[in-house]
C-alpha atoms as a PDB file:
ATOM      1  CA  MET A   1     220.379 -71.492 -30.715  1.00  0.00           C
ATOM      2  CA  THR A   2     219.547 -70.299 -34.463  1.00  0.00           C
ATOM      3  CA  LYS A   3     217.434 -72.006 -37.137  1.00  0.00           C
ATOM      4  CA  LEU A   4     218.854 -73.391 -40.462  1.00  0.00           C
ATOM      5  CA  VAL A   5     216.666 -74.640 -43.106  1.00  0.00           C
ATOM      6  CA  PHE A   6     218.871 -75.577 -45.693  1.00  0.00           C
ATOM      7  CA  SER A   7     217.174 -75.932 -49.681  1.00  0.00           C
ATOM      8  CA  PRO A   8     219.497 -77.325 -51.926  1.00  0.00           C
ATOM      9  CA  PRO A   9     218.613 -77.189 -55.634  1.00  0.00           C
ATOM     10  CA  GLY A  10     216.213 -79.439 -57.569  1.00  0.00           C
ATOM     11  CA  PRO A  11     217.060 -81.627 -60.734  1.00  0.00           C
ATOM     12  CA  ASP A  12     215.519 -78.853 -63.136  1.00  0.00           C
ATOM     13  CA  SER A  13     217.500 -76.030 -61.349  1.00  0.00           C
ATOM     14  CA  PRO A  14     220.535 -74.506 -63.970  1.00  0.00           C
ATOM     15  CA  GLY A  15     223.812 -74.822 -62.916  1.00  0.00           C
ATOM     16  CA  TYR A  16     224.041 -78.361 -62.166  1.00  0.00           C
ATOM     17  CA  LEU A  17     227.290 -79.514 -62.950  1.00  0.00           C
ATOM     18  CA  LYS A  18     228.780 -76.196 -61.913  1.00  0.00           C
ATOM     19  CA  ARG A  19     227.417 -76.850 -58.242  1.00  0.00           C
ATOM     20  CA  VAL A  20     228.208 -80.804 -57.991  1.00  0.00           C
ATOM     21  CA  ARG A  21     231.791 -80.128 -59.096  1.00  0.00           C
ATOM     22  CA  GLN A  22     232.305 -77.683 -56.300  1.00  0.00           C
ATOM     23  CA  ALA A  23     230.768 -79.539 -53.789  1.00  0.00           C
ATOM     24  CA  LEU A  24     232.649 -82.763 -54.881  1.00  0.00           C
ATOM     25  CA  VAL A  25     236.188 -80.799 -54.557  1.00  0.00           C
ATOM     26  CA  PHE A  26     234.753 -79.536 -51.295  1.00  0.00           C
ATOM     27  CA  SER A  27     234.067 -83.412 -50.510  1.00  0.00           C
ATOM     28  CA  LYS A  28     237.719 -84.369 -51.805  1.00  0.00           C
ATOM     29  CA  ASN A  29     239.104 -81.269 -49.405  1.00  0.00           C
ATOM     30  CA  ILE A  30     237.236 -81.856 -46.439  1.00  0.00           C
ATOM     31  CA  SER A  31     238.301 -85.544 -46.128  1.00  0.00           C
ATOM     32  CA  SER A  32     241.681 -85.016 -46.889  1.00  0.00           C
ATOM     33  CA  GLU A  33     244.211 -85.137 -43.927  1.00  0.00           C
ATOM     34  CA  LYS A  34     244.856 -81.028 -44.018  1.00  0.00           C
ATOM     35  CA  PRO A  35     242.152 -79.093 -45.341  1.00  0.00           C
ATOM     36  CA  SER A  36     243.054 -75.620 -45.038  1.00  0.00           C
ATOM     37  CA  PRO A  37     241.174 -72.624 -44.069  1.00  0.00           C
ATOM     38  CA  GLU A  38     240.720 -70.712 -46.665  1.00  0.00           C
ATOM     39  CA  MET A  39     238.776 -73.838 -47.955  1.00  0.00           C
ATOM     40  CA  ILE A  40     236.271 -74.465 -45.295  1.00  0.00           C
ATOM     41  CA  ASP A  41     235.506 -70.570 -46.050  1.00  0.00           C
ATOM     42  CA  GLU A  42     234.842 -70.642 -49.338  1.00  0.00           C
ATOM     43  CA  MET A  43     232.824 -74.212 -48.491  1.00  0.00           C
ATOM     44  CA  VAL A  44     230.454 -71.988 -45.368  1.00  0.00           C
ATOM     45  CA  GLU A  45     230.652 -69.375 -48.770  1.00  0.00           C
ATOM     46  CA  PHE A  46     228.631 -71.983 -51.079  1.00  0.00           C
ATOM     47  CA  LEU A  47     226.685 -73.599 -48.349  1.00  0.00           C
ATOM     48  CA  ALA A  48     225.197 -69.952 -47.412  1.00  0.00           C
ATOM     49  CA  GLN A  49     223.404 -69.662 -50.939  1.00  0.00           C
ATOM     50  CA  TYR A  50     221.203 -72.735 -50.152  1.00  0.00           C
ATOM     51  CA  VAL A  51     220.542 -71.650 -46.825  1.00  0.00           C
ATOM     52  CA  THR A  52     216.435 -70.071 -47.098  1.00  0.00           C
ATOM     53  CA  GLU A  53     216.753 -69.405 -43.166  1.00  0.00           C
ATOM     54  CA  PRO A  54     218.089 -67.406 -41.866  1.00  0.00           C
ATOM     55  CA  LYS A  55     217.320 -64.518 -44.289  1.00  0.00           C
ATOM     56  CA  GLU A  56     220.383 -61.908 -43.281  1.00  0.00           C
ATOM     57  CA  HIS A  57     223.548 -63.041 -45.218  1.00  0.00           C
ATOM     58  CA  ALA A  58     225.881 -62.799 -41.921  1.00  0.00           C
ATOM     59  CA  ASN A  59     223.293 -64.398 -39.948  1.00  0.00           C
ATOM     60  CA  LYS A  60     223.244 -67.415 -42.808  1.00  0.00           C
ATOM     61  CA  ILE A  61     227.211 -67.717 -42.308  1.00  0.00           C
ATOM     62  CA  ALA A  62     226.842 -68.214 -38.658  1.00  0.00           C
ATOM     63  CA  ALA A  63     224.794 -70.145 -38.395  1.00  0.00           C
ATOM     64  CA  LEU A  64     226.463 -72.683 -41.053  1.00  0.00           C
ATOM     65  CA  TRP A  65     229.663 -72.141 -38.635  1.00  0.00           C
ATOM     66  CA  LEU A  66     227.689 -73.773 -35.522  1.00  0.00           C
ATOM     67  CA  ALA A  67     226.482 -76.652 -38.183  1.00  0.00           C
ATOM     68  CA  SER A  68     228.242 -80.413 -36.780  1.00  0.00           C
ATOM     69  CA  GLU A  69     230.477 -82.185 -38.884  1.00  0.00           C
ATOM     70  CA  LYS A  70     227.174 -84.370 -39.780  1.00  0.00           C
ATOM     71  CA  GLU A  71     225.270 -81.591 -41.032  1.00  0.00           C
ATOM     72  CA  PHE A  72     227.954 -80.355 -43.344  1.00  0.00           C
ATOM     73  CA  THR A  73     228.106 -83.662 -44.672  1.00  0.00           C
ATOM     74  CA  MET A  74     224.403 -84.076 -45.046  1.00  0.00           C
ATOM     75  CA  LEU A  75     224.383 -80.859 -46.820  1.00  0.00           C
ATOM     76  CA  LEU A  76     227.151 -81.163 -49.194  1.00  0.00           C
ATOM     77  CA  ARG A  77     225.723 -84.472 -50.253  1.00  0.00           C
ATOM     78  CA  ALA A  78     222.666 -82.825 -50.763  1.00  0.00           C
ATOM     79  CA  ILE A  79     224.010 -81.001 -53.109  1.00  0.00           C
ATOM     80  CA  THR A  80     225.742 -83.476 -55.324  1.00  0.00           C
ATOM     81  CA  GLY A  81     222.888 -85.800 -54.868  1.00  0.00           C
ATOM     82  CA  GLU A  82     224.695 -88.796 -53.431  1.00  0.00           C
ATOM     83  CA  PRO A  83     223.958 -91.175 -52.150  1.00  0.00           C
ATOM     84  CA  GLU A  84     220.029 -90.877 -53.256  1.00  0.00           C
ATOM     85  CA  GLY A  85     218.215 -90.315 -50.291  1.00  0.00           C
ATOM     86  CA  VAL A  86     219.833 -88.576 -48.424  1.00  0.00           C
ATOM     87  CA  GLU A  87     217.225 -86.112 -46.053  1.00  0.00           C
ATOM     88  CA  ASN A  88     218.110 -82.574 -45.924  1.00  0.00           C
ATOM     89  CA  PRO A  89     219.247 -82.514 -42.346  1.00  0.00           C
ATOM     90  CA  THR A  90     217.323 -78.899 -41.922  1.00  0.00           C
ATOM     91  CA  SER A  91     214.260 -79.000 -44.136  1.00  0.00           C
ATOM     92  CA  ALA A  92     211.618 -77.121 -42.762  1.00  0.00           C
ATOM     93  CA  ASP A  93     209.320 -80.256 -42.874  1.00  0.00           C
ATOM     94  CA  ARG A  94     211.866 -82.122 -40.687  1.00  0.00           C
ATOM     95  CA  LEU A  95     212.069 -79.007 -38.209  1.00  0.00           C
ATOM     96  CA  ASN A  96     208.071 -79.118 -38.180  1.00  0.00           C
ATOM     97  CA  ALA A  97     207.831 -82.378 -37.665  1.00  0.00           C
ATOM     98  CA  GLU A  98     210.573 -82.442 -34.719  1.00  0.00           C
ATOM     99  CA  LYS A  99     208.548 -79.646 -32.822  1.00  0.00           C
END
């Protein structure tokens, strides 16, 4: 399985409101009864910008498609910062600790 390392932006990263708005739109839409395939594609592309491993864009997308529902939820929450203390499920520190 491909190792997926996700690095959400920090509190000092520019574009906070734009990122949070987009993540909230995705969170709301994914919770709806009928999320569209196009919305899912957009969400995968959105999250890919925060994937640091693998390096190639196509591999980032492929790795995200293999993520679980729980991982996707956690990744979106990591971007919005809600709730506090959400652990990044694919952080390099966590992955190294599991070895």
